[in-house]
N, C-alpha and C. Protein backbone atom coordinates (compact mmCIF):
# COMPACT_ATOMS: atom_id res chain seq x y z
N MET A 1 11.93 -2.90 9.09
CA MET A 1 12.61 -2.94 7.81
C MET A 1 12.23 -1.67 7.05
N LYS A 2 13.20 -0.98 6.53
CA LYS A 2 12.94 0.20 5.72
C LYS A 2 12.64 -0.23 4.29
N ILE A 3 11.79 0.50 3.65
CA ILE A 3 11.39 0.18 2.29
C ILE A 3 12.32 0.87 1.30
N ASP A 4 12.81 0.09 0.36
CA ASP A 4 13.66 0.61 -0.71
C ASP A 4 12.96 0.30 -2.03
N PRO A 5 12.49 1.31 -2.76
CA PRO A 5 11.76 1.07 -4.00
C PRO A 5 12.62 0.55 -5.14
N GLY A 6 13.86 0.18 -4.87
CA GLY A 6 14.71 -0.40 -5.89
C GLY A 6 15.73 0.56 -6.47
N ASN A 7 15.65 1.82 -6.10
CA ASN A 7 16.60 2.79 -6.65
C ASN A 7 17.56 3.32 -5.59
N GLY A 8 17.61 2.65 -4.43
CA GLY A 8 18.53 3.06 -3.37
C GLY A 8 17.99 4.17 -2.48
N LEU A 9 16.81 4.70 -2.80
CA LEU A 9 16.22 5.77 -1.99
C LEU A 9 15.18 5.19 -1.04
N LYS A 10 15.11 5.75 0.15
CA LYS A 10 14.12 5.33 1.13
C LYS A 10 12.85 6.15 0.94
N LEU A 11 11.70 5.51 1.10
CA LEU A 11 10.44 6.24 1.03
C LEU A 11 10.22 6.94 2.37
N LEU A 12 9.84 8.21 2.32
CA LEU A 12 9.59 9.00 3.51
C LEU A 12 8.14 9.42 3.56
N CYS A 13 7.60 9.52 4.77
CA CYS A 13 6.26 10.05 4.97
C CYS A 13 6.27 11.53 4.61
N ALA A 14 5.33 11.97 3.78
CA ALA A 14 5.27 13.37 3.36
C ALA A 14 4.96 14.29 4.53
N GLN A 15 4.24 13.79 5.54
CA GLN A 15 3.86 14.62 6.68
C GLN A 15 4.92 14.61 7.78
N CYS A 16 5.37 13.42 8.16
CA CYS A 16 6.26 13.28 9.32
C CYS A 16 7.75 13.28 8.95
N ARG A 17 8.05 13.05 7.67
CA ARG A 17 9.42 12.97 7.18
C ARG A 17 10.20 11.81 7.79
N LEU A 18 9.49 10.77 8.23
CA LEU A 18 10.12 9.57 8.76
C LEU A 18 10.14 8.49 7.68
N PRO A 19 11.14 7.60 7.72
CA PRO A 19 11.16 6.50 6.76
C PRO A 19 9.95 5.58 6.97
N LEU A 20 9.34 5.15 5.86
CA LEU A 20 8.24 4.21 5.94
C LEU A 20 8.80 2.82 6.24
N VAL A 21 8.04 2.03 7.00
CA VAL A 21 8.44 0.67 7.34
C VAL A 21 7.39 -0.29 6.83
N SER A 22 7.80 -1.50 6.54
CA SER A 22 6.88 -2.52 6.06
C SER A 22 5.96 -2.93 7.21
N ALA A 23 4.63 -2.96 6.94
CA ALA A 23 3.66 -3.31 7.97
C ALA A 23 2.49 -4.04 7.34
N PRO A 24 1.88 -4.97 8.09
CA PRO A 24 0.69 -5.64 7.56
C PRO A 24 -0.49 -4.67 7.55
N VAL A 25 -1.20 -4.63 6.43
CA VAL A 25 -2.33 -3.72 6.25
C VAL A 25 -3.46 -4.50 5.59
N THR A 26 -4.68 -4.26 6.01
CA THR A 26 -5.83 -4.84 5.32
C THR A 26 -6.39 -3.77 4.39
N VAL A 27 -6.31 -4.03 3.10
CA VAL A 27 -6.80 -3.09 2.10
C VAL A 27 -8.25 -3.40 1.82
N ARG A 28 -9.09 -2.39 1.89
CA ARG A 28 -10.51 -2.54 1.58
C ARG A 28 -10.82 -1.71 0.34
N TYR A 29 -11.51 -2.35 -0.60
CA TYR A 29 -11.83 -1.67 -1.85
C TYR A 29 -13.12 -2.25 -2.41
N LEU A 30 -14.10 -1.41 -2.61
CA LEU A 30 -15.40 -1.80 -3.15
C LEU A 30 -16.01 -2.99 -2.40
N GLY A 31 -15.94 -2.94 -1.08
CA GLY A 31 -16.54 -3.98 -0.26
C GLY A 31 -15.71 -5.25 -0.13
N GLN A 32 -14.56 -5.30 -0.74
CA GLN A 32 -13.68 -6.47 -0.66
C GLN A 32 -12.47 -6.10 0.21
N ALA A 33 -11.91 -7.08 0.89
CA ALA A 33 -10.74 -6.83 1.74
C ALA A 33 -9.68 -7.90 1.47
N PHE A 34 -8.41 -7.49 1.50
CA PHE A 34 -7.32 -8.43 1.35
C PHE A 34 -6.11 -7.93 2.12
N PRO A 35 -5.38 -8.85 2.78
CA PRO A 35 -4.20 -8.45 3.56
C PRO A 35 -2.97 -8.34 2.68
N VAL A 36 -2.16 -7.30 2.93
CA VAL A 36 -0.90 -7.09 2.20
C VAL A 36 0.11 -6.42 3.14
N GLU A 37 1.37 -6.52 2.79
CA GLU A 37 2.43 -5.79 3.49
C GLU A 37 2.70 -4.54 2.66
N LEU A 38 2.58 -3.37 3.28
CA LEU A 38 2.79 -2.12 2.57
C LEU A 38 3.67 -1.19 3.38
N PRO A 39 4.35 -0.26 2.71
CA PRO A 39 5.12 0.76 3.43
C PRO A 39 4.16 1.68 4.20
N ARG A 40 4.48 1.87 5.48
CA ARG A 40 3.59 2.65 6.35
C ARG A 40 4.42 3.51 7.29
N CYS A 41 3.91 4.72 7.59
CA CYS A 41 4.60 5.60 8.53
C CYS A 41 4.39 5.08 9.95
N PRO A 42 5.47 4.91 10.71
CA PRO A 42 5.33 4.41 12.08
C PRO A 42 4.70 5.43 13.03
N GLN A 43 4.66 6.69 12.63
CA GLN A 43 4.11 7.73 13.52
C GLN A 43 2.64 8.03 13.22
N CYS A 44 2.32 8.40 11.99
CA CYS A 44 0.94 8.84 11.68
C CYS A 44 0.09 7.75 11.03
N GLY A 45 0.72 6.65 10.56
CA GLY A 45 -0.04 5.56 9.97
C GLY A 45 -0.32 5.71 8.48
N TYR A 46 0.18 6.80 7.86
CA TYR A 46 0.01 6.96 6.42
C TYR A 46 0.54 5.71 5.73
N THR A 47 -0.24 5.17 4.78
CA THR A 47 0.16 3.98 4.06
C THR A 47 0.34 4.31 2.59
N TYR A 48 1.48 3.93 2.06
CA TYR A 48 1.79 4.14 0.65
C TYR A 48 1.26 2.96 -0.15
N VAL A 49 0.41 3.22 -1.12
CA VAL A 49 -0.12 2.17 -1.99
C VAL A 49 0.61 2.26 -3.33
N PRO A 50 1.47 1.29 -3.63
CA PRO A 50 2.21 1.33 -4.88
C PRO A 50 1.29 1.17 -6.09
N GLU A 51 1.73 1.72 -7.21
CA GLU A 51 0.93 1.71 -8.43
C GLU A 51 0.55 0.30 -8.86
N ASP A 52 1.47 -0.67 -8.71
CA ASP A 52 1.16 -2.03 -9.16
C ASP A 52 0.01 -2.64 -8.35
N LEU A 53 -0.13 -2.28 -7.09
CA LEU A 53 -1.25 -2.76 -6.29
C LEU A 53 -2.54 -2.08 -6.74
N ALA A 54 -2.49 -0.77 -6.94
CA ALA A 54 -3.68 -0.02 -7.33
C ALA A 54 -4.18 -0.44 -8.71
N THR A 55 -3.27 -0.71 -9.62
CA THR A 55 -3.70 -1.07 -10.98
C THR A 55 -3.78 -2.57 -11.18
N GLY A 56 -3.27 -3.35 -10.24
CA GLY A 56 -3.29 -4.81 -10.35
C GLY A 56 -4.41 -5.43 -9.54
N LYS A 57 -4.19 -5.59 -8.26
CA LYS A 57 -5.14 -6.28 -7.39
C LYS A 57 -6.48 -5.55 -7.32
N MET A 58 -6.46 -4.23 -7.22
CA MET A 58 -7.71 -3.48 -7.13
C MET A 58 -8.50 -3.57 -8.44
N LEU A 59 -7.81 -3.61 -9.55
CA LEU A 59 -8.47 -3.79 -10.83
C LEU A 59 -9.12 -5.17 -10.90
N GLN A 60 -8.46 -6.19 -10.36
CA GLN A 60 -9.04 -7.53 -10.31
C GLN A 60 -10.33 -7.54 -9.50
N VAL A 61 -10.35 -6.81 -8.37
CA VAL A 61 -11.54 -6.74 -7.55
C VAL A 61 -12.67 -6.08 -8.34
N GLU A 62 -12.37 -4.98 -9.03
CA GLU A 62 -13.38 -4.30 -9.86
C GLU A 62 -13.96 -5.23 -10.90
N GLN A 63 -13.09 -5.93 -11.59
CA GLN A 63 -13.54 -6.84 -12.65
C GLN A 63 -14.38 -7.99 -12.10
N ALA A 64 -14.00 -8.52 -10.94
CA ALA A 64 -14.76 -9.59 -10.33
C ALA A 64 -16.16 -9.12 -9.95
N LEU A 65 -16.26 -7.89 -9.45
CA LEU A 65 -17.57 -7.35 -9.08
C LEU A 65 -18.42 -7.07 -10.31
N GLU A 66 -17.81 -6.61 -11.40
CA GLU A 66 -18.54 -6.35 -12.62
C GLU A 66 -19.08 -7.63 -13.24
N ASP A 67 -18.36 -8.74 -13.05
CA ASP A 67 -18.78 -10.02 -13.63
C ASP A 67 -19.97 -10.62 -12.89
N LYS A 68 -20.25 -10.14 -11.70
CA LYS A 68 -21.36 -10.71 -10.90
C LYS A 68 -22.69 -10.19 -11.36
């Protein structure tokens, strides 16, 4: 499946210039891991991390660790 960010444009790998495809990825951040589906290059494995994931879920992990 090709990724469409909602504006009709396909996301391309900056290195390979291939369309990114949805793939299961385990994101690790500050010692925590969680599975997500993210756009990924089928050739080089570059994974695009959308802003909402970086500022949402990863922020939650930071806050949980700070509360400990």
